[in-house]
Amino acid sequence: MNRPFRLQQVVVGMIFALAVSPISLAQQSATVDVPETIEAGEPLRFTITLDRAPNFEGGGVLFTLTGPEGFTVQTSTTVRSGQPDAVATYVIPASAPGGEWTIHLISFYTGTKYVELKSTDTTFQVVPKKNLIYPSSAKVRINLNQQQLLRKAAIQLQLQIQNLRGVLAEDRRSSIDSVESVLRRNTQDAIKSLTTTQKSFQELTGTTLPQRADQVFFEDLRTNYEELLDYLDRKNLKSGYNRDSTMLLANFETQSNNKKRTLDDSLVTLAALHPFEQNELAYNLAADTQSLFFDLTLKSYPEGASVCHYRRGDGCNLDSEPTNTTIKSLPLAIWTVEFRKAGYKTEKRIHNPFTESNHVVDVKLEQ
């Protein structure tokens, strides 16, 4: 870079009428010494020289830096007692847009009082950096303690599944109310265990950022249990347990000799165990891959369909790129994807990353 040419501009300001104060603040003027050009990513250093040095500590000058594309930042520099000069430093972001930038002095402040400065703005040129590389996705790796926690939770679920399977086998001729009670109790216990596992997982992460992948992951597992409880509360096992992502069916028969409803063990087992087995798969997958993310590739024939994706109970998030495209770093959860193209029927697909190892969804659009 060529040796910068120094510009000096005299800034004159008038003090507002202030309340009575033991600190004397008179008419102010300042000289701003700033380089003519600077490269993005470098520290900008310039000097503000006041016409009079303050006779107290704690004063400073507020100013803004404004660049192209609406970039504005407000910051300040300290003015020491007995010193008329204040050196300000600000690192111009490496991604800052090139062009003319402006320094605008706002006020001299004391911590309790602000003296507005009427001034002529000072300008300088920023040379942009070229060929900047930006990351397109990020993956949070599960640490060893979290990995062990998830494997332990999977083993506990496996044991619960075995016990529940045995209870259902013994009670296959029991009343519906009795079986529903067993299912509800086991599901509620599983939710409590899930909550404990989630809390421990977050403590091992060491952060409480909102809407993290682990929150999405555990919320999705909790939804599996809550949907089963919802059907149990509605006494809806007879009509079936049907989700977009799964088909869980429990069928009940009527025993003609005493008119007492009894259950078909194999079908009820399918309905009852699926949420538990699904969540066991989820724990093991996250532990094996040491990640709570995956990339989902979306293809359509013909190409150029707009797509949106969402979780159960959420609204559809319209993606910025049409097919064919890949959604990077989706949190591990069951996702619904909709494909829309003018002149074609809307197609909807469910992708379950816990049961489908090939994370590709492709559809043939029909007119």
Protein backbone atom coordinates (compact mmCIF):
# COMPACT_ATOMS: atom_id res chain seq x y z
CA MET A 1 0.00 0.00 0.00
CA ASN A 2 1.28 3.50 -0.78
CA ARG A 3 2.24 5.68 2.13
CA PRO A 4 -1.05 7.29 3.20
CA PHE A 5 -1.55 10.98 2.71
CA ARG A 6 -2.72 12.70 5.89
CA LEU A 7 -5.76 14.89 5.77
CA GLN A 8 -6.46 17.45 8.42
CA GLN A 9 -9.79 19.05 8.90
CA VAL A 10 -10.78 21.55 11.53
CA VAL A 11 -13.91 20.64 13.36
CA VAL A 12 -15.73 23.39 15.21
CA GLY A 13 -18.54 22.78 17.66
CA MET A 14 -20.69 24.78 20.01
CA ILE A 15 -21.62 23.45 23.48
CA PHE A 16 -25.24 23.14 24.41
CA ALA A 17 -26.51 25.09 27.40
CA LEU A 18 -25.76 22.75 30.32
CA ALA A 19 -27.02 22.63 33.87
CA VAL A 20 -24.78 24.27 36.45
CA SER A 21 -21.71 22.08 36.94
CA PRO A 22 -18.32 22.47 38.71
CA ILE A 23 -16.69 21.18 35.49
CA SER A 24 -15.92 23.93 33.00
CA LEU A 25 -16.79 22.95 29.42
CA ALA A 26 -16.10 25.76 26.96
CA GLN A 27 -16.44 26.11 23.23
CA GLN A 28 -14.76 23.14 21.50
CA SER A 29 -12.87 22.59 18.26
CA ALA A 30 -10.97 19.54 17.09
CA THR A 31 -8.56 18.52 14.36
CA VAL A 32 -8.99 15.04 12.88
CA ASP A 33 -5.87 13.45 11.40
CA VAL A 34 -6.79 10.36 9.36
CA PRO A 35 -5.07 8.35 6.58
CA GLU A 36 -6.39 8.87 3.09
CA THR A 37 -6.67 5.12 2.32
CA ILE A 38 -6.66 1.92 4.34
CA GLU A 39 -7.16 -1.74 3.43
CA ALA A 40 -10.06 -3.71 4.83
CA GLY A 41 -8.94 -5.83 7.77
CA GLU A 42 -6.36 -3.29 8.96
CA PRO A 43 -6.65 -1.11 12.09
CA LEU A 44 -7.68 2.47 11.37
CA ARG A 45 -5.82 4.92 13.64
CA PHE A 46 -6.57 8.61 13.71
CA THR A 47 -6.05 11.47 16.13
CA ILE A 48 -8.63 13.90 17.44
CA THR A 49 -7.04 17.05 18.83
CA LEU A 50 -9.24 19.25 21.02
CA ASP A 51 -8.61 22.98 21.29
CA ARG A 52 -8.56 22.66 25.08
CA ALA A 53 -7.54 19.76 27.25
CA PRO A 54 -10.14 18.70 29.87
CA ASN A 55 -9.08 19.05 33.48
CA PHE A 56 -10.74 15.81 34.61
CA GLU A 57 -10.67 12.09 33.88
CA GLY A 58 -13.53 10.15 32.36
CA GLY A 59 -14.15 12.25 29.28
CA GLY A 60 -14.23 10.97 25.72
CA VAL A 61 -15.40 11.56 22.17
CA LEU A 62 -18.24 9.60 20.58
CA PHE A 63 -18.07 9.13 16.82
CA THR A 64 -19.51 7.01 14.02
CA LEU A 65 -17.86 5.27 11.09
CA THR A 66 -20.11 4.95 8.06
CA GLY A 67 -19.32 3.00 4.92
CA PRO A 68 -21.07 1.91 1.72
CA GLU A 69 -23.97 -0.58 1.74
CA GLY A 70 -25.42 0.96 4.91
CA PHE A 71 -22.57 -0.11 7.23
CA THR A 72 -22.47 2.07 10.37
CA VAL A 73 -20.80 1.57 13.72
CA GLN A 74 -20.73 3.89 16.73
CA THR A 75 -17.75 3.81 19.04
CA SER A 76 -15.64 6.15 21.17
CA THR A 77 -12.18 7.05 22.35
CA THR A 78 -11.01 8.28 25.76
CA VAL A 79 -9.65 11.77 26.39
CA ARG A 80 -7.21 11.91 29.31
CA SER A 81 -7.05 14.79 31.79
CA GLY A 82 -4.60 17.44 30.66
CA GLN A 83 -4.24 15.89 27.18
CA PRO A 84 -5.78 17.61 24.16
CA ASP A 85 -5.06 14.65 21.86
CA ALA A 86 -7.14 11.46 21.73
CA VAL A 87 -5.97 8.55 19.57
CA ALA A 88 -8.84 6.43 18.24
CA THR A 89 -8.43 2.90 16.84
CA TYR A 90 -10.95 0.76 14.99
CA VAL A 91 -10.23 -2.39 13.00
CA ILE A 92 -11.97 -2.15 9.64
CA PRO A 93 -13.66 -5.56 9.09
CA ALA A 94 -11.94 -7.77 6.52
CA SER A 95 -15.26 -8.08 4.69
CA ALA A 96 -15.88 -4.32 4.72
CA PRO A 97 -17.11 -2.89 1.41
CA GLY A 98 -14.68 -0.74 -0.49
CA GLY A 99 -15.26 2.91 -1.23
CA GLU A 100 -15.61 6.15 0.67
CA TRP A 101 -16.05 5.99 4.42
CA THR A 102 -16.96 8.84 6.77
CA ILE A 103 -15.96 9.75 10.32
CA HIS A 104 -18.60 11.81 12.09
CA LEU A 105 -17.94 13.29 15.55
CA ILE A 106 -21.09 13.08 17.67
CA SER A 107 -20.26 14.55 21.04
CA PHE A 108 -17.84 14.98 23.89
CA TYR A 109 -19.15 13.05 26.86
CA THR A 110 -18.28 12.94 30.56
CA GLY A 111 -20.29 9.91 31.64
CA THR A 112 -23.21 12.05 32.77
CA LYS A 113 -23.19 14.90 30.25
CA TYR A 114 -23.03 14.96 26.46
CA VAL A 115 -21.79 18.03 24.59
CA GLU A 116 -22.93 17.89 20.99
CA LEU A 117 -20.24 18.68 18.43
CA LYS A 118 -21.23 20.42 15.23
CA SER A 119 -18.57 19.39 12.80
CA THR A 120 -17.56 18.79 9.24
CA ASP A 121 -17.27 15.08 8.51
CA THR A 122 -13.93 13.52 7.57
CA THR A 123 -13.68 10.97 4.77
CA PHE A 124 -11.20 8.26 3.78
CA GLN A 125 -11.07 5.39 1.29
CA VAL A 126 -11.22 1.68 2.12
CA VAL A 127 -9.63 -0.77 -0.30
CA PRO A 128 -11.63 -4.05 -0.18
CA LYS A 129 -10.00 -7.44 0.30
CA LYS A 130 -10.32 -9.81 -2.62
CA ASN A 131 -11.04 -13.53 -2.81
CA LEU A 132 -12.46 -13.83 0.70
CA ILE A 133 -13.50 -17.39 1.61
CA TYR A 134 -16.67 -17.77 3.69
CA PRO A 135 -17.81 -21.02 5.36
CA SER A 136 -21.07 -22.41 4.00
CA SER A 137 -21.96 -24.74 6.86
CA ALA A 138 -20.92 -25.74 10.36
CA LYS A 139 -21.09 -28.97 12.33
CA VAL A 140 -20.92 -29.29 16.08
CA ARG A 141 -19.11 -32.43 17.12
CA ILE A 142 -20.42 -34.37 20.08
CA ASN A 143 -17.74 -34.73 22.73
CA LEU A 144 -16.80 -38.05 24.33
CA ASN A 145 -18.88 -37.50 27.47
CA GLN A 146 -21.96 -36.67 25.40
CA GLN A 147 -21.35 -39.71 23.23
CA GLN A 148 -21.23 -41.96 26.30
CA LEU A 149 -24.38 -40.30 27.66
CA LEU A 150 -26.33 -41.05 24.46
CA ARG A 151 -25.14 -44.66 24.37
CA LYS A 152 -26.25 -45.11 27.98
CA ALA A 153 -29.68 -43.63 27.14
CA ALA A 154 -29.97 -46.03 24.17
CA ILE A 155 -29.20 -49.03 26.40
CA GLN A 156 -31.81 -47.91 28.93
CA LEU A 157 -34.40 -47.63 26.16
CA GLN A 158 -33.48 -51.07 24.89
CA LEU A 159 -34.11 -52.55 28.34
CA GLN A 160 -37.41 -50.69 28.62
CA ILE A 161 -38.48 -52.03 25.22
CA GLN A 162 -37.71 -55.60 26.28
CA ASN A 163 -39.67 -55.19 29.53
CA LEU A 164 -42.61 -53.56 27.75
CA ARG A 165 -42.67 -56.27 25.12
CA GLY A 166 -42.85 -58.89 27.86
CA VAL A 167 -45.70 -57.11 29.67
CA LEU A 168 -47.70 -56.81 26.46
CA ALA A 169 -47.15 -60.48 25.68
CA GLU A 170 -48.45 -61.48 29.12
CA ASP A 171 -51.46 -59.17 28.88
CA ARG A 172 -52.46 -59.91 25.30
CA ARG A 173 -55.89 -61.00 26.45
CA SER A 174 -56.26 -58.14 28.92
CA SER A 175 -58.76 -55.33 28.65
CA ILE A 176 -57.98 -52.29 26.57
CA ASP A 177 -57.96 -50.06 29.66
CA SER A 178 -55.32 -52.23 31.32
CA VAL A 179 -53.03 -52.16 28.29
CA GLU A 180 -53.53 -48.42 27.78
CA SER A 181 -52.49 -47.87 31.40
CA VAL A 182 -49.26 -49.84 30.85
CA LEU A 183 -48.49 -47.92 27.66
CA ARG A 184 -49.19 -44.55 29.25
CA ARG A 185 -47.04 -45.26 32.30
CA ASN A 186 -44.10 -46.47 30.20
CA THR A 187 -44.37 -43.50 27.85
CA GLN A 188 -44.44 -41.01 30.71
CA ASP A 189 -41.40 -42.68 32.25
CA ALA A 190 -39.62 -42.46 28.91
CA ILE A 191 -40.35 -38.73 28.67
CA LYS A 192 -38.86 -38.18 32.14
CA SER A 193 -35.73 -40.08 31.13
CA LEU A 194 -35.53 -38.05 27.92
CA THR A 195 -35.73 -34.78 29.87
CA THR A 196 -32.95 -35.91 32.21
CA THR A 197 -30.77 -36.95 29.27
CA GLN A 198 -31.34 -33.62 27.52
CA LYS A 199 -30.40 -31.64 30.63
CA SER A 200 -27.22 -33.66 31.13
CA PHE A 201 -26.34 -33.30 27.43
CA GLN A 202 -26.69 -29.51 27.60
CA GLU A 203 -24.60 -29.31 30.76
CA LEU A 204 -21.83 -31.22 29.01
CA THR A 205 -22.06 -28.78 26.10
CA GLY A 206 -21.33 -25.84 28.37
CA THR A 207 -23.64 -23.37 26.61
CA THR A 208 -27.30 -22.33 26.70
CA LEU A 209 -27.71 -20.86 23.22
CA PRO A 210 -31.35 -20.88 22.06
CA GLN A 211 -32.55 -23.04 19.19
CA ARG A 212 -29.47 -25.22 19.10
CA ALA A 213 -29.37 -28.50 17.24
CA ASP A 214 -29.58 -30.46 20.49
CA GLN A 215 -32.86 -28.71 21.35
CA VAL A 216 -34.32 -29.64 17.97
CA PHE A 217 -33.00 -33.21 18.36
CA PHE A 218 -34.54 -33.81 21.79
CA GLU A 219 -37.78 -31.98 20.95
CA ASP A 220 -38.25 -34.28 17.98
CA LEU A 221 -37.73 -37.37 20.16
CA ARG A 222 -40.19 -35.99 22.70
CA THR A 223 -42.77 -35.50 19.94
CA ASN A 224 -42.69 -39.26 19.22
CA TYR A 225 -43.77 -39.99 22.79
CA GLU A 226 -46.27 -37.13 23.01
CA GLU A 227 -48.08 -38.26 19.87
CA LEU A 228 -48.58 -41.72 21.36
CA LEU A 229 -49.86 -40.19 24.62
CA ASP A 230 -52.21 -38.00 22.62
CA TYR A 231 -53.78 -41.03 20.97
CA LEU A 232 -54.02 -42.85 24.27
CA ASP A 233 -55.75 -39.87 25.87
CA ARG A 234 -58.24 -39.80 23.01
CA LYS A 235 -58.88 -43.54 23.37
CA ASN A 236 -58.06 -43.69 19.68
CA LEU A 237 -56.08 -46.91 19.47
CA LYS A 238 -59.03 -48.66 17.88
CA SER A 239 -59.07 -46.34 14.87
CA GLY A 240 -55.30 -46.45 14.48
CA TYR A 241 -52.20 -44.40 15.19
CA ASN A 242 -51.23 -42.75 11.93
CA ARG A 243 -48.45 -40.20 11.46
CA ASP A 244 -46.99 -38.79 8.25
CA SER A 245 -43.61 -40.23 9.18
CA THR A 246 -44.80 -43.62 10.44
CA MET A 247 -47.78 -45.95 10.40
CA LEU A 248 -48.51 -47.30 13.85
CA LEU A 249 -51.59 -49.46 14.05
CA ALA A 250 -53.27 -51.02 17.05
CA ASN A 251 -56.34 -53.11 16.30
CA PHE A 252 -58.88 -54.29 18.84
CA GLU A 253 -61.33 -57.10 18.53
CA THR A 254 -64.63 -57.80 20.20
CA GLN A 255 -64.96 -61.05 22.10
CA SER A 256 -68.48 -62.24 21.39
CA ASN A 257 -68.97 -64.57 24.38
CA ASN A 258 -68.64 -61.85 27.05
CA LYS A 259 -68.56 -58.68 24.89
CA LYS A 260 -65.23 -57.74 26.47
CA ARG A 261 -62.80 -56.00 24.11
CA THR A 262 -59.42 -57.70 23.83
CA LEU A 263 -56.29 -56.75 21.95
CA ASP A 264 -54.23 -58.26 19.19
CA ASP A 265 -50.76 -58.50 20.75
CA SER A 266 -48.66 -58.14 17.61
CA LEU A 267 -50.43 -54.99 16.38
CA VAL A 268 -50.46 -53.28 19.77
CA THR A 269 -46.77 -54.09 20.20
CA LEU A 270 -46.08 -52.42 16.85
CA ALA A 271 -47.97 -49.31 17.94
CA ALA A 272 -46.51 -49.11 21.43
CA LEU A 273 -42.87 -49.88 20.74
CA HIS A 274 -42.28 -47.77 17.67
CA PRO A 275 -41.58 -44.45 19.51
CA PHE A 276 -39.18 -46.22 21.87
CA GLU A 277 -37.37 -48.03 19.05
CA GLN A 278 -37.22 -44.85 16.98
CA ASN A 279 -35.59 -42.91 19.80
CA GLU A 280 -33.13 -45.72 20.50
CA LEU A 281 -32.04 -45.46 16.84
CA ALA A 282 -31.69 -41.70 17.21
CA TYR A 283 -29.43 -41.96 20.26
CA ASN A 284 -27.20 -44.52 18.57
CA LEU A 285 -26.99 -42.56 15.31
CA ALA A 286 -25.95 -39.35 17.06
CA ALA A 287 -23.38 -41.25 19.13
CA ASP A 288 -21.99 -43.12 16.11
CA THR A 289 -21.64 -40.03 13.89
CA GLN A 290 -20.70 -37.72 16.79
CA SER A 291 -22.94 -35.11 15.21
CA LEU A 292 -26.45 -33.72 15.50
CA PHE A 293 -26.48 -32.53 11.87
CA PHE A 294 -26.87 -34.02 8.41
CA ASP A 295 -27.03 -32.71 4.83
CA LEU A 296 -30.23 -33.36 2.87
CA THR A 297 -30.07 -33.42 -0.93
CA LEU A 298 -33.29 -32.56 -2.79
CA LYS A 299 -33.90 -33.49 -6.43
CA SER A 300 -36.90 -33.10 -8.69
CA TYR A 301 -37.71 -34.11 -12.26
CA PRO A 302 -37.95 -31.66 -13.90
CA GLU A 303 -35.56 -29.42 -11.98
CA GLY A 304 -36.29 -25.89 -10.80
CA ALA A 305 -38.92 -26.67 -8.17
CA SER A 306 -39.09 -24.45 -5.14
CA VAL A 307 -38.79 -26.37 -1.89
CA CYS A 308 -39.66 -25.80 1.73
CA HIS A 309 -38.94 -28.00 4.72
CA TYR A 310 -40.41 -28.20 8.20
CA ARG A 311 -40.69 -30.34 11.32
CA ARG A 312 -43.89 -31.71 12.75
CA GLY A 313 -46.05 -28.86 14.03
CA ASP A 314 -43.96 -26.11 12.38
CA GLY A 315 -44.55 -23.87 9.40
CA CYS A 316 -42.81 -24.45 6.07
CA ASN A 317 -39.41 -22.72 5.61
CA LEU A 318 -38.98 -21.71 1.98
CA ASP A 319 -35.45 -22.50 0.81
CA SER A 320 -33.46 -19.91 -1.11
CA GLU A 321 -32.31 -22.38 -3.78
CA PRO A 322 -34.60 -24.40 -6.10
CA THR A 323 -33.95 -28.02 -6.99
CA ASN A 324 -31.60 -29.59 -7.43
CA THR A 325 -30.08 -28.43 -4.15
CA THR A 326 -28.66 -29.56 -0.82
CA ILE A 327 -29.75 -28.21 2.56
CA LYS A 328 -26.62 -28.05 4.67
CA SER A 329 -26.40 -28.88 8.36
CA LEU A 330 -30.00 -29.79 9.15
CA PRO A 331 -30.47 -30.77 12.81
CA LEU A 332 -31.18 -34.47 13.28
CA ALA A 333 -34.96 -34.74 13.23
CA ILE A 334 -37.80 -35.98 11.04
CA TRP A 335 -38.36 -33.44 8.24
CA THR A 336 -41.15 -32.94 5.75
CA VAL A 337 -40.18 -31.50 2.36
CA GLU A 338 -42.61 -29.98 -0.15
CA PHE A 339 -41.78 -29.52 -3.84
CA ARG A 340 -43.68 -26.87 -5.80
CA LYS A 341 -43.43 -25.93 -9.47
CA ALA A 342 -45.83 -23.99 -11.66
CA GLY A 343 -47.88 -26.34 -13.82
CA TYR A 344 -47.20 -29.36 -11.60
CA LYS A 345 -48.82 -30.88 -8.54
CA THR A 346 -47.26 -30.17 -5.15
CA GLU A 347 -45.37 -33.19 -3.88
CA LYS A 348 -44.66 -33.88 -0.21
CA ARG A 349 -42.09 -36.31 1.17
CA ILE A 350 -41.05 -37.33 4.68
CA HIS A 351 -37.38 -37.92 5.45
CA ASN A 352 -36.45 -39.81 8.59
CA PRO A 353 -32.66 -39.60 9.08
CA PHE A 354 -32.77 -42.25 11.80
CA THR A 355 -34.08 -44.97 9.49
CA GLU A 356 -32.82 -43.74 6.09
CA SER A 357 -29.05 -43.71 5.68
CA ASN A 358 -29.20 -42.20 2.17
CA HIS A 359 -30.09 -38.58 2.80
CA VAL A 360 -31.50 -37.88 -0.66
CA VAL A 361 -35.11 -37.05 -1.49
CA ASP A 362 -36.03 -37.10 -5.16
CA VAL A 363 -39.45 -36.79 -6.73
CA LYS A 364 -40.97 -36.93 -10.18
CA LEU A 365 -43.36 -34.03 -10.54
CA GLU A 366 -46.69 -34.75 -12.19
CA GLN A 367 -48.81 -32.29 -14.10
